[in-house]
């Protein structure tokens, strides 16, 4: 119970520090007058992936990279299903998706599937890690090119920009420390409860790491920022599946249980296909579709529980 308590405290600081990092990153991004979708997809999403990325890096340095991999895939499934479901429920009449967003993300499921294609043998090498990082950066470049024709120069409010930069850096430092203790007590709790560390990474840590984008998305849709919420979640998932997994392999090439690829990563791809099918049907995410995404996440949890018992 003590390990569970410290895990909860560490996750609390992960979530709060990430939330503040998103807040100050958004302020800095607005200085450049970027489109809302680009702000969400590029700026906010980069900050949003810090919890699971730092947790994964710490797990790799501690010699348990599978814990980090389970966290990354588990967070991605949560983002694409239960996080989107709650954001949809928080909106007044569902989330409208513009044709431009759908068009610029037509290759999204393919990029999500890349970790499966390069890790089908149950191993990630440094070469494969570099490939995943490059693929993720290319998708970011493509998104910027399609959604942002012109970036204006910063405003003259340098004092506020400096203040926001300071708090952003401070939030990231707290986030890094909290991520270290999340791995430490997450693994300790798994051992004391006789549970698979991978399952703990997928369920507790993975879901906890998805909370920053959930809080940000709910706040965004209630203020009329549907594109900001969409960009945040979609950008976070593509970063987790490519750049974060690539960094994990680059730091410490590793072997892992292939069921993480065959089941967890496969369900991540299915979740993305389901979500984009809903987006294209009438170009609006309805409450009914949100309920189906929620049910999908419950199915995912039940599947992970039985294969990791």
C-alpha atoms as a PDB file:
ATOM      1  CA  UNK A   1       0.000   0.000   0.000  1.00  0.00           C
ATOM      2  CA  UNK A   2       2.939   2.331   0.688  1.00  0.00           C
ATOM      3  CA  UNK A   3       4.263   1.777  -2.847  1.00  0.00           C
ATOM      4  CA  UNK A   4       0.796   2.493  -4.236  1.00  0.00           C
ATOM      5  CA  UNK A   5       0.602   5.708  -2.211  1.00  0.00           C
ATOM      6  CA  UNK A   6       3.982   6.962  -3.460  1.00  0.00           C
ATOM      7  CA  UNK A   7       3.029   5.947  -7.017  1.00  0.00           C
ATOM      8  CA  UNK A   8      -0.146   8.033  -6.725  1.00  0.00           C
ATOM      9  CA  UNK A   9       1.826  11.020  -5.375  1.00  0.00           C
ATOM     10  CA  UNK A  10       4.387  10.742  -8.179  1.00  0.00           C
ATOM     11  CA  UNK A  11       1.621  10.538 -10.796  1.00  0.00           C
ATOM     12  CA  UNK A  12      -0.044  13.595  -9.258  1.00  0.00           C
ATOM     13  CA  UNK A  13       3.131  15.633  -9.786  1.00  0.00           C
ATOM     14  CA  UNK A  14       3.504  14.203 -13.310  1.00  0.00           C
ATOM     15  CA  UNK A  15      -0.015  15.331 -14.183  1.00  0.00           C
ATOM     16  CA  UNK A  16       0.163  18.757 -12.536  1.00  0.00           C
ATOM     17  CA  UNK A  17       3.598  19.620 -13.895  1.00  0.00           C
ATOM     18  CA  UNK A  18       2.537  18.536 -17.397  1.00  0.00           C
ATOM     19  CA  UNK A  19      -0.621  20.608 -17.089  1.00  0.00           C
ATOM     20  CA  UNK A  20       1.401  23.712 -16.217  1.00  0.00           C
ATOM     21  CA  UNK A  21       3.858  22.939 -19.012  1.00  0.00           C
ATOM     22  CA  UNK A  22       0.963  22.823 -21.490  1.00  0.00           C
ATOM     23  CA  UNK A  23      -0.355  26.107 -20.127  1.00  0.00           C
ATOM     24  CA  UNK A  24       2.908  28.023 -20.575  1.00  0.00           C
ATOM     25  CA  UNK A  25       3.734  26.353 -23.896  1.00  0.00           C
ATOM     26  CA  UNK A  26       0.348  27.443 -25.217  1.00  0.00           C
ATOM     27  CA  UNK A  27       1.036  31.032 -24.154  1.00  0.00           C
ATOM     28  CA  UNK A  28       4.380  31.024 -25.934  1.00  0.00           C
ATOM     29  CA  UNK A  29       2.835  29.490 -29.049  1.00  0.00           C
ATOM     30  CA  UNK A  30       0.181  32.191 -29.194  1.00  0.00           C
ATOM     31  CA  UNK A  31       2.946  34.783 -29.449  1.00  0.00           C
ATOM     32  CA  UNK A  32       3.599  33.391 -32.953  1.00  0.00           C
ATOM     33  CA  UNK A  33      -0.109  33.486 -33.915  1.00  0.00           C
ATOM     34  CA  UNK A  34      -0.115  29.826 -34.980  1.00  0.00           C
ATOM     35  CA  UNK A  35      -3.408  28.162 -36.068  1.00  0.00           C
ATOM     36  CA  UNK A  36      -5.144  26.377 -33.180  1.00  0.00           C
ATOM     37  CA  UNK A  37      -4.743  22.913 -34.701  1.00  0.00           C
ATOM     38  CA  UNK A  38      -1.006  23.454 -35.211  1.00  0.00           C
ATOM     39  CA  UNK A  39      -0.638  24.755 -31.644  1.00  0.00           C
ATOM     40  CA  UNK A  40      -2.360  21.619 -30.346  1.00  0.00           C
ATOM     41  CA  UNK A  41      -0.644  19.149 -32.687  1.00  0.00           C
ATOM     42  CA  UNK A  42       2.869  20.546 -32.508  1.00  0.00           C
ATOM     43  CA  UNK A  43       3.401  22.660 -29.388  1.00  0.00           C
ATOM     44  CA  UNK A  44       0.969  21.287 -26.826  1.00  0.00           C
ATOM     45  CA  UNK A  45       1.355  17.666 -27.937  1.00  0.00           C
ATOM     46  CA  UNK A  46       5.136  17.839 -27.605  1.00  0.00           C
ATOM     47  CA  UNK A  47       4.697  18.873 -23.975  1.00  0.00           C
ATOM     48  CA  UNK A  48       1.912  16.318 -23.453  1.00  0.00           C
ATOM     49  CA  UNK A  49       4.198  13.407 -24.364  1.00  0.00           C
ATOM     50  CA  UNK A  50       6.773  14.389 -21.742  1.00  0.00           C
ATOM     51  CA  UNK A  51       5.245  12.318 -18.895  1.00  0.00           C
ATOM     52  CA  UNK A  52       5.261   8.983 -20.752  1.00  0.00           C
ATOM     53  CA  UNK A  53       8.520   9.838 -22.564  1.00  0.00           C
ATOM     54  CA  UNK A  54      10.384  10.653 -19.346  1.00  0.00           C
ATOM     55  CA  UNK A  55       8.873   7.578 -17.691  1.00  0.00           C
ATOM     56  CA  UNK A  56       9.982   5.426 -20.631  1.00  0.00           C
ATOM     57  CA  UNK A  57      13.493   6.882 -20.635  1.00  0.00           C
ATOM     58  CA  UNK A  58      13.812   6.228 -16.904  1.00  0.00           C
ATOM     59  CA  UNK A  59      12.578   2.662 -17.376  1.00  0.00           C
ATOM     60  CA  UNK A  60      15.155   2.112 -20.147  1.00  0.00           C
ATOM     61  CA  UNK A  61      17.969   3.450 -17.948  1.00  0.00           C
ATOM     62  CA  UNK A  62      16.800   1.163 -15.131  1.00  0.00           C
ATOM     63  CA  UNK A  63      16.938  -1.877 -17.435  1.00  0.00           C
ATOM     64  CA  UNK A  64      13.163  -2.419 -17.788  1.00  0.00           C
ATOM     65  CA  UNK A  65      12.336  -0.916 -21.212  1.00  0.00           C
ATOM     66  CA  UNK A  66       9.247  -3.116 -21.606  1.00  0.00           C
ATOM     67  CA  UNK A  67       7.648  -1.109 -18.794  1.00  0.00           C
ATOM     68  CA  UNK A  68       8.212   2.054 -20.818  1.00  0.00           C
ATOM     69  CA  UNK A  69       6.941   0.457 -24.028  1.00  0.00           C
ATOM     70  CA  UNK A  70       3.761  -0.683 -22.290  1.00  0.00           C
ATOM     71  CA  UNK A  71       3.315   2.832 -20.903  1.00  0.00           C
ATOM     72  CA  UNK A  72       3.672   4.426 -24.364  1.00  0.00           C
ATOM     73  CA  UNK A  73       1.244   2.054 -26.075  1.00  0.00           C
ATOM     74  CA  UNK A  74      -1.166   2.095 -23.140  1.00  0.00           C
ATOM     75  CA  UNK A  75      -1.228   5.907 -23.121  1.00  0.00           C
ATOM     76  CA  UNK A  76      -1.859   5.965 -26.877  1.00  0.00           C
ATOM     77  CA  UNK A  77      -4.825   3.590 -26.640  1.00  0.00           C
ATOM     78  CA  UNK A  78      -6.230   5.646 -23.763  1.00  0.00           C
ATOM     79  CA  UNK A  79      -5.837   8.860 -25.783  1.00  0.00           C
ATOM     80  CA  UNK A  80      -7.546   7.435 -28.855  1.00  0.00           C
ATOM     81  CA  UNK A  81     -10.459   5.942 -26.925  1.00  0.00           C
ATOM     82  CA  UNK A  82     -11.400   6.999 -23.387  1.00  0.00           C
ATOM     83  CA  UNK A  83      -9.746  10.451 -23.585  1.00  0.00           C
ATOM     84  CA  UNK A  84     -11.546  11.254 -26.830  1.00  0.00           C
ATOM     85  CA  UNK A  85     -14.774   9.824 -25.370  1.00  0.00           C
ATOM     86  CA  UNK A  86     -14.672  12.105 -22.311  1.00  0.00           C
ATOM     87  CA  UNK A  87     -13.750  15.134 -24.434  1.00  0.00           C
ATOM     88  CA  UNK A  88     -16.728  14.399 -26.697  1.00  0.00           C
ATOM     89  CA  UNK A  89     -19.042  14.117 -23.666  1.00  0.00           C
ATOM     90  CA  UNK A  90     -17.683  17.441 -22.364  1.00  0.00           C
ATOM     91  CA  UNK A  91     -18.573  19.213 -25.617  1.00  0.00           C
ATOM     92  CA  UNK A  92     -22.021  20.709 -26.144  1.00  0.00           C
ATOM     93  CA  UNK A  93     -22.935  19.030 -29.446  1.00  0.00           C
ATOM     94  CA  UNK A  94     -20.042  16.771 -30.241  1.00  0.00           C
ATOM     95  CA  UNK A  95     -16.742  17.731 -31.856  1.00  0.00           C
ATOM     96  CA  UNK A  96     -16.797  19.009 -35.425  1.00  0.00           C
ATOM     97  CA  UNK A  97     -13.833  17.919 -37.551  1.00  0.00           C
ATOM     98  CA  UNK A  98     -12.843  20.046 -40.542  1.00  0.00           C
ATOM     99  CA  UNK A  99     -12.116  18.503 -43.941  1.00  0.00           C
ATOM    100  CA  UNK A 100      -8.581  19.920 -43.793  1.00  0.00           C
ATOM    101  CA  UNK A 101      -7.795  18.010 -40.588  1.00  0.00           C
ATOM    102  CA  UNK A 102      -9.161  14.761 -42.034  1.00  0.00           C
ATOM    103  CA  UNK A 103      -7.188  15.239 -45.254  1.00  0.00           C
ATOM    104  CA  UNK A 104      -3.908  16.083 -43.527  1.00  0.00           C
ATOM    105  CA  UNK A 105      -4.230  12.958 -41.324  1.00  0.00           C
ATOM    106  CA  UNK A 106      -5.170  10.412 -43.999  1.00  0.00           C
ATOM    107  CA  UNK A 107      -1.866   8.547 -43.423  1.00  0.00           C
ATOM    108  CA  UNK A 108      -2.206   8.756 -39.623  1.00  0.00           C
ATOM    109  CA  UNK A 109      -3.043   5.035 -38.982  1.00  0.00           C
ATOM    110  CA  UNK A 110      -0.081   3.981 -41.147  1.00  0.00           C
ATOM    111  CA  UNK A 111       2.360   6.002 -39.024  1.00  0.00           C
ATOM    112  CA  UNK A 112       0.727   4.616 -35.875  1.00  0.00           C
ATOM    113  CA  UNK A 113       1.389   1.096 -37.202  1.00  0.00           C
ATOM    114  CA  UNK A 114       5.129   1.697 -37.789  1.00  0.00           C
ATOM    115  CA  UNK A 115       6.171   0.395 -34.304  1.00  0.00           C
ATOM    116  CA  UNK A 116       4.470  -2.894 -35.211  1.00  0.00           C
ATOM    117  CA  UNK A 117       6.187  -3.162 -38.585  1.00  0.00           C
ATOM    118  CA  UNK A 118       9.709  -2.534 -37.246  1.00  0.00           C
ATOM    119  CA  UNK A 119       9.193  -4.398 -33.953  1.00  0.00           C
ATOM    120  CA  UNK A 120       7.429  -7.502 -35.213  1.00  0.00           C
ATOM    121  CA  UNK A 121      10.403  -9.667 -34.196  1.00  0.00           C
ATOM    122  CA  UNK A 122      10.183  -8.517 -30.571  1.00  0.00           C
ATOM    123  CA  UNK A 123      13.253  -6.285 -30.723  1.00  0.00           C
ATOM    124  CA  UNK A 124      13.998  -2.608 -31.305  1.00  0.00           C
ATOM    125  CA  UNK A 125      17.498  -1.727 -32.513  1.00  0.00           C
ATOM    126  CA  UNK A 126      19.091   1.720 -32.596  1.00  0.00           C
ATOM    127  CA  UNK A 127      18.655   1.800 -36.379  1.00  0.00           C
ATOM    128  CA  UNK A 128      14.947   1.107 -36.001  1.00  0.00           C
ATOM    129  CA  UNK A 129      14.771   3.753 -33.285  1.00  0.00           C
ATOM    130  CA  UNK A 130      16.315   6.347 -35.604  1.00  0.00           C
ATOM    131  CA  UNK A 131      13.855   5.332 -38.339  1.00  0.00           C
ATOM    132  CA  UNK A 132      10.871   5.838 -36.008  1.00  0.00           C
ATOM    133  CA  UNK A 133      12.154   9.250 -34.869  1.00  0.00           C
ATOM    134  CA  UNK A 134      12.644  10.398 -38.469  1.00  0.00           C
ATOM    135  CA  UNK A 135       9.181   9.117 -39.420  1.00  0.00           C
ATOM    136  CA  UNK A 136       7.593  11.047 -36.545  1.00  0.00           C
ATOM    137  CA  UNK A 137       9.459  14.242 -37.403  1.00  0.00           C
ATOM    138  CA  UNK A 138       8.438  13.885 -41.056  1.00  0.00           C
ATOM    139  CA  UNK A 139       4.778  13.631 -40.048  1.00  0.00           C
ATOM    140  CA  UNK A 140       5.166  16.778 -37.939  1.00  0.00           C
ATOM    141  CA  UNK A 141       6.766  18.588 -40.891  1.00  0.00           C
ATOM    142  CA  UNK A 142       3.937  17.460 -43.169  1.00  0.00           C
ATOM    143  CA  UNK A 143       1.347  18.691 -40.662  1.00  0.00           C
ATOM    144  CA  UNK A 144       2.984  22.112 -40.342  1.00  0.00           C
ATOM    145  CA  UNK A 145       3.245  22.436 -44.113  1.00  0.00           C
ATOM    146  CA  UNK A 146      -0.413  21.528 -44.663  1.00  0.00           C
ATOM    147  CA  UNK A 147      -1.909  23.566 -41.821  1.00  0.00           C
ATOM    148  CA  UNK A 148       0.330  26.600 -41.440  1.00  0.00           C
ATOM    149  CA  UNK A 149       1.079  28.693 -44.493  1.00  0.00           C
ATOM    150  CA  UNK A 150       2.670  31.596 -42.639  1.00  0.00           C
ATOM    151  CA  UNK A 151       4.122  32.095 -39.163  1.00  0.00           C
ATOM    152  CA  UNK A 152       4.222  35.674 -37.976  1.00  0.00           C
ATOM    153  CA  UNK A 153       7.053  37.164 -35.984  1.00  0.00           C
ATOM    154  CA  UNK A 154       6.875  37.208 -32.171  1.00  0.00           C
ATOM    155  CA  UNK A 155       5.226  40.121 -30.441  1.00  0.00           C
ATOM    156  CA  UNK A 156       7.211  42.667 -28.482  1.00  0.00           C
ATOM    157  CA  UNK A 157       5.964  41.396 -25.127  1.00  0.00           C
ATOM    158  CA  UNK A 158       9.366  39.929 -24.212  1.00  0.00           C
ATOM    159  CA  UNK A 159       8.824  40.192 -20.458  1.00  0.00           C
ATOM    160  CA  UNK A 160       5.815  37.825 -20.454  1.00  0.00           C
ATOM    161  CA  UNK A 161       7.540  35.517 -22.922  1.00  0.00           C
ATOM    162  CA  UNK A 162      10.584  35.266 -20.621  1.00  0.00           C
ATOM    163  CA  UNK A 163       8.370  34.574 -17.613  1.00  0.00           C
ATOM    164  CA  UNK A 164       6.427  31.876 -19.480  1.00  0.00           C
ATOM    165  CA  UNK A 165       9.687  30.288 -20.645  1.00  0.00           C
ATOM    166  CA  UNK A 166      10.995  30.139 -17.060  1.00  0.00           C
ATOM    167  CA  UNK A 167       7.847  28.430 -15.764  1.00  0.00           C
ATOM    168  CA  UNK A 168       7.821  26.062 -18.732  1.00  0.00           C
ATOM    169  CA  UNK A 169      11.392  24.927 -17.989  1.00  0.00           C
ATOM    170  CA  UNK A 170      10.643  24.628 -14.259  1.00  0.00           C
ATOM    171  CA  UNK A 171       7.539  22.522 -14.982  1.00  0.00           C
ATOM    172  CA  UNK A 172       9.595  20.204 -17.198  1.00  0.00           C
ATOM    173  CA  UNK A 173      12.218  19.724 -14.453  1.00  0.00           C
ATOM    174  CA  UNK A 174       9.503  18.784 -11.936  1.00  0.00           C
ATOM    175  CA  UNK A 175       8.029  16.483 -14.575  1.00  0.00           C
ATOM    176  CA  UNK A 176      11.340  14.713 -15.070  1.00  0.00           C
ATOM    177  CA  UNK A 177      11.785  14.110 -11.322  1.00  0.00           C
ATOM    178  CA  UNK A 178       8.193  12.911 -10.922  1.00  0.00           C
ATOM    179  CA  UNK A 179       8.618  10.530 -13.872  1.00  0.00           C
ATOM    180  CA  UNK A 180      11.654   8.961 -12.189  1.00  0.00           C
ATOM    181  CA  UNK A 181       9.669   8.185  -9.027  1.00  0.00           C
ATOM    182  CA  UNK A 182       6.692   6.967 -11.072  1.00  0.00           C
ATOM    183  CA  UNK A 183       8.858   4.248 -12.600  1.00  0.00           C
ATOM    184  CA  UNK A 184      10.464   3.391  -9.258  1.00  0.00           C
ATOM    185  CA  UNK A 185       7.219   2.967  -7.316  1.00  0.00           C
ATOM    186  CA  UNK A 186       5.256   1.599 -10.276  1.00  0.00           C
ATOM    187  CA  UNK A 187       7.646  -1.339 -10.577  1.00  0.00           C
ATOM    188  CA  UNK A 188       7.773  -1.765  -6.780  1.00  0.00           C
ATOM    189  CA  UNK A 189       3.966  -1.872  -6.600  1.00  0.00           C
ATOM    190  CA  UNK A 190       3.820  -4.396  -9.457  1.00  0.00           C
ATOM    191  CA  UNK A 191       6.277  -6.676  -7.639  1.00  0.00           C
ATOM    192  CA  UNK A 192       4.516  -6.363  -4.269  1.00  0.00           C
ATOM    193  CA  UNK A 193       1.079  -7.019  -5.842  1.00  0.00           C
ATOM    194  CA  UNK A 194       2.451  -9.883  -7.986  1.00  0.00           C
ATOM    195  CA  UNK A 195       1.344  -8.068 -11.156  1.00  0.00           C
ATOM    196  CA  UNK A 196       3.135  -7.762 -14.472  1.00  0.00           C
ATOM    197  CA  UNK A 197       5.114  -4.483 -14.692  1.00  0.00           C
ATOM    198  CA  UNK A 198       3.907  -4.208 -18.302  1.00  0.00           C
ATOM    199  CA  UNK A 199       0.279  -4.315 -17.127  1.00  0.00           C
ATOM    200  CA  UNK A 200       0.986  -1.629 -14.521  1.00  0.00           C
ATOM    201  CA  UNK A 201       2.611   0.468 -17.245  1.00  0.00           C
ATOM    202  CA  UNK A 202      -0.381   0.019 -19.545  1.00  0.00           C
ATOM    203  CA  UNK A 203      -3.132   0.536 -16.969  1.00  0.00           C
ATOM    204  CA  UNK A 204      -2.071   2.768 -14.076  1.00  0.00           C
ATOM    205  CA  UNK A 205       0.887   4.692 -15.484  1.00  0.00           C
ATOM    206  CA  UNK A 206      -0.415   4.738 -19.068  1.00  0.00           C
ATOM    207  CA  UNK A 207      -3.822   6.064 -18.088  1.00  0.00           C
ATOM    208  CA  UNK A 208      -2.296   8.509 -15.631  1.00  0.00           C
ATOM    209  CA  UNK A 209       0.043   9.848 -18.322  1.00  0.00           C
ATOM    210  CA  UNK A 210      -2.968  10.505 -20.567  1.00  0.00           C
ATOM    211  CA  UNK A 211      -4.607  12.805 -18.023  1.00  0.00           C
ATOM    212  CA  UNK A 212      -2.755  16.012 -19.050  1.00  0.00           C
ATOM    213  CA  UNK A 213      -4.172  15.876 -22.598  1.00  0.00           C
ATOM    214  CA  UNK A 214      -7.551  14.907 -21.156  1.00  0.00           C
ATOM    215  CA  UNK A 215      -7.655  17.967 -18.887  1.00  0.00           C
ATOM    216  CA  UNK A 216      -6.377  20.189 -21.684  1.00  0.00           C
ATOM    217  CA  UNK A 217      -8.880  18.764 -24.205  1.00  0.00           C
ATOM    218  CA  UNK A 218     -11.884  19.179 -21.917  1.00  0.00           C
ATOM    219  CA  UNK A 219     -10.859  22.746 -21.130  1.00  0.00           C
ATOM    220  CA  UNK A 220     -10.341  23.468 -24.833  1.00  0.00           C
ATOM    221  CA  UNK A 221     -13.722  22.170 -26.089  1.00  0.00           C
ATOM    222  CA  UNK A 222     -15.603  24.008 -23.342  1.00  0.00           C
ATOM    223  CA  UNK A 223     -13.980  27.215 -24.594  1.00  0.00           C
ATOM    224  CA  UNK A 224     -14.798  26.436 -28.219  1.00  0.00           C
ATOM    225  CA  UNK A 225     -11.335  25.187 -29.130  1.00  0.00           C
ATOM    226  CA  UNK A 226     -12.270  21.894 -30.815  1.00  0.00           C
ATOM    227  CA  UNK A 227      -9.272  22.009 -33.155  1.00  0.00           C
ATOM    228  CA  UNK A 228      -6.930  22.650 -30.227  1.00  0.00           C
ATOM    229  CA  UNK A 229      -8.218  19.528 -28.445  1.00  0.00           C
ATOM    230  CA  UNK A 230      -8.024  17.405 -31.609  1.00  0.00           C
ATOM    231  CA  UNK A 231      -4.492  18.527 -32.343  1.00  0.00           C
ATOM    232  CA  UNK A 232      -3.313  17.858 -28.798  1.00  0.00           C
ATOM    233  CA  UNK A 233      -4.539  14.248 -28.630  1.00  0.00           C
ATOM    234  CA  UNK A 234      -3.635  13.274 -32.206  1.00  0.00           C
ATOM    235  CA  UNK A 235      -0.208  14.897 -31.922  1.00  0.00           C
ATOM    236  CA  UNK A 236       0.471  13.169 -28.603  1.00  0.00           C
ATOM    237  CA  UNK A 237      -0.328   9.717 -29.989  1.00  0.00           C
ATOM    238  CA  UNK A 238       1.798  10.091 -33.141  1.00  0.00           C
ATOM    239  CA  UNK A 239       4.702  11.276 -30.963  1.00  0.00           C
ATOM    240  CA  UNK A 240       4.344   8.363 -28.537  1.00  0.00           C
ATOM    241  CA  UNK A 241       4.154   5.767 -31.315  1.00  0.00           C
ATOM    242  CA  UNK A 242       7.142   7.046 -33.280  1.00  0.00           C
ATOM    243  CA  UNK A 243       9.454   9.570 -31.602  1.00  0.00           C
ATOM    244  CA  UNK A 244       9.131   8.335 -28.003  1.00  0.00           C
ATOM    245  CA  UNK A 245       9.485   4.646 -28.949  1.00  0.00           C
ATOM    246  CA  UNK A 246      12.444   5.609 -31.152  1.00  0.00           C
ATOM    247  CA  UNK A 247      14.141   7.437 -28.280  1.00  0.00           C
ATOM    248  CA  UNK A 248      13.578   4.402 -26.051  1.00  0.00           C
ATOM    249  CA  UNK A 249      15.312   2.134 -28.602  1.00  0.00           C
ATOM    250  CA  UNK A 250      18.080   4.668 -29.215  1.00  0.00           C
ATOM    251  CA  UNK A 251      18.972   4.844 -25.520  1.00  0.00           C
ATOM    252  CA  UNK A 252      18.823   1.121 -24.889  1.00  0.00           C
ATOM    253  CA  UNK A 253      18.073  -1.364 -27.725  1.00  0.00           C
ATOM    254  CA  UNK A 254      15.945  -4.089 -26.196  1.00  0.00           C
ATOM    255  CA  UNK A 255      13.961  -7.276 -26.596  1.00  0.00           C
ATOM    256  CA  UNK A 256      10.384  -7.418 -25.327  1.00  0.00           C
ATOM    257  CA  UNK A 257       7.430  -9.772 -25.118  1.00  0.00           C
ATOM    258  CA  UNK A 258       5.925  -9.951 -28.606  1.00  0.00           C
ATOM    259  CA  UNK A 259       2.402  -9.903 -27.185  1.00  0.00           C
ATOM    260  CA  UNK A 260       2.953  -6.168 -26.580  1.00  0.00           C
ATOM    261  CA  UNK A 261       3.160  -5.802 -30.371  1.00  0.00           C
ATOM    262  CA  UNK A 262       0.587  -8.435 -31.334  1.00  0.00           C
ATOM    263  CA  UNK A 263      -2.066  -7.219 -28.887  1.00  0.00           C
ATOM    264  CA  UNK A 264      -1.353  -3.819 -27.269  1.00  0.00           C
ATOM    265  CA  UNK A 265       0.082  -2.083 -30.340  1.00  0.00           C
ATOM    266  CA  UNK A 266      -2.437  -3.811 -32.623  1.00  0.00           C
ATOM    267  CA  UNK A 267      -5.316  -2.482 -30.502  1.00  0.00           C
ATOM    268  CA  UNK A 268      -3.708   0.967 -30.694  1.00  0.00           C
ATOM    269  CA  UNK A 269      -3.949   0.806 -34.504  1.00  0.00           C
ATOM    270  CA  UNK A 270      -7.542  -0.487 -34.332  1.00  0.00           C
ATOM    271  CA  UNK A 271      -8.429   2.440 -32.035  1.00  0.00           C
ATOM    272  CA  UNK A 272      -6.990   4.922 -34.554  1.00  0.00           C
ATOM    273  CA  UNK A 273      -8.911   3.309 -37.441  1.00  0.00           C
ATOM    274  CA  UNK A 274     -12.121   3.385 -35.400  1.00  0.00           C
ATOM    275  CA  UNK A 275     -11.625   7.029 -34.440  1.00  0.00           C
ATOM    276  CA  UNK A 276     -10.953   8.174 -38.003  1.00  0.00           C
ATOM    277  CA  UNK A 277     -13.926   6.202 -39.288  1.00  0.00           C
ATOM    278  CA  UNK A 278     -16.069   8.191 -36.827  1.00  0.00           C
ATOM    279  CA  UNK A 279     -14.421  11.453 -37.932  1.00  0.00           C
ATOM    280  CA  UNK A 280     -15.273  10.816 -41.579  1.00  0.00           C
ATOM    281  CA  UNK A 281     -18.893   9.860 -40.881  1.00  0.00           C
ATOM    282  CA  UNK A 282     -20.571  13.259 -41.025  1.00  0.00           C
ATOM    283  CA  UNK A 283     -17.327  14.998 -39.978  1.00  0.00           C
ATOM    284  CA  UNK A 284     -18.504  15.253 -36.378  1.00  0.00           C
ATOM    285  CA  UNK A 285     -17.768  13.090 -33.334  1.00  0.00           C
ATOM    286  CA  UNK A 286     -21.107  12.407 -31.649  1.00  0.00           C
ATOM    287  CA  UNK A 287     -21.935  11.305 -28.105  1.00  0.00           C
ATOM    288  CA  UNK A 288     -22.903   7.861 -29.444  1.00  0.00           C
ATOM    289  CA  UNK A 289     -19.483   7.478 -31.031  1.00  0.00           C
ATOM    290  CA  UNK A 290     -17.919   8.655 -27.774  1.00  0.00           C
ATOM    291  CA  UNK A 291     -19.744   5.843 -25.944  1.00  0.00           C
ATOM    292  CA  UNK A 292     -18.390   3.307 -28.448  1.00  0.00           C
ATOM    293  CA  UNK A 293     -14.846   4.593 -27.895  1.00  0.00           C
ATOM    294  CA  UNK A 294     -15.356   4.241 -24.139  1.00  0.00           C
ATOM    295  CA  UNK A 295     -16.527   0.633 -24.582  1.00  0.00           C
ATOM    296  CA  UNK A 296     -13.488  -0.056 -26.752  1.00  0.00           C
ATOM    297  CA  UNK A 297     -11.205   1.048 -23.927  1.00  0.00           C
ATOM    298  CA  UNK A 298     -12.968  -1.285 -21.499  1.00  0.00           C
ATOM    299  CA  UNK A 299     -12.426  -4.126 -23.983  1.00  0.00           C
ATOM    300  CA  UNK A 300      -8.769  -3.141 -24.186  1.00  0.00           C
ATOM    301  CA  UNK A 301      -8.373  -3.252 -20.395  1.00  0.00           C
ATOM    302  CA  UNK A 302     -10.064  -6.646 -20.147  1.00  0.00           C
ATOM    303  CA  UNK A 303      -7.806  -8.023 -22.878  1.00  0.00           C
ATOM    304  CA  UNK A 304      -4.644  -6.694 -21.248  1.00  0.00           C
ATOM    305  CA  UNK A 305      -5.666  -8.058 -17.849  1.00  0.00           C
ATOM    306  CA  UNK A 306      -6.128 -11.610 -19.120  1.00  0.00           C
ATOM    307  CA  UNK A 307      -2.920 -11.721 -21.176  1.00  0.00           C
ATOM    308  CA  UNK A 308      -0.805 -10.219 -18.365  1.00  0.00           C
ATOM    309  CA  UNK A 309      -2.171 -12.212 -15.414  1.00  0.00           C
END
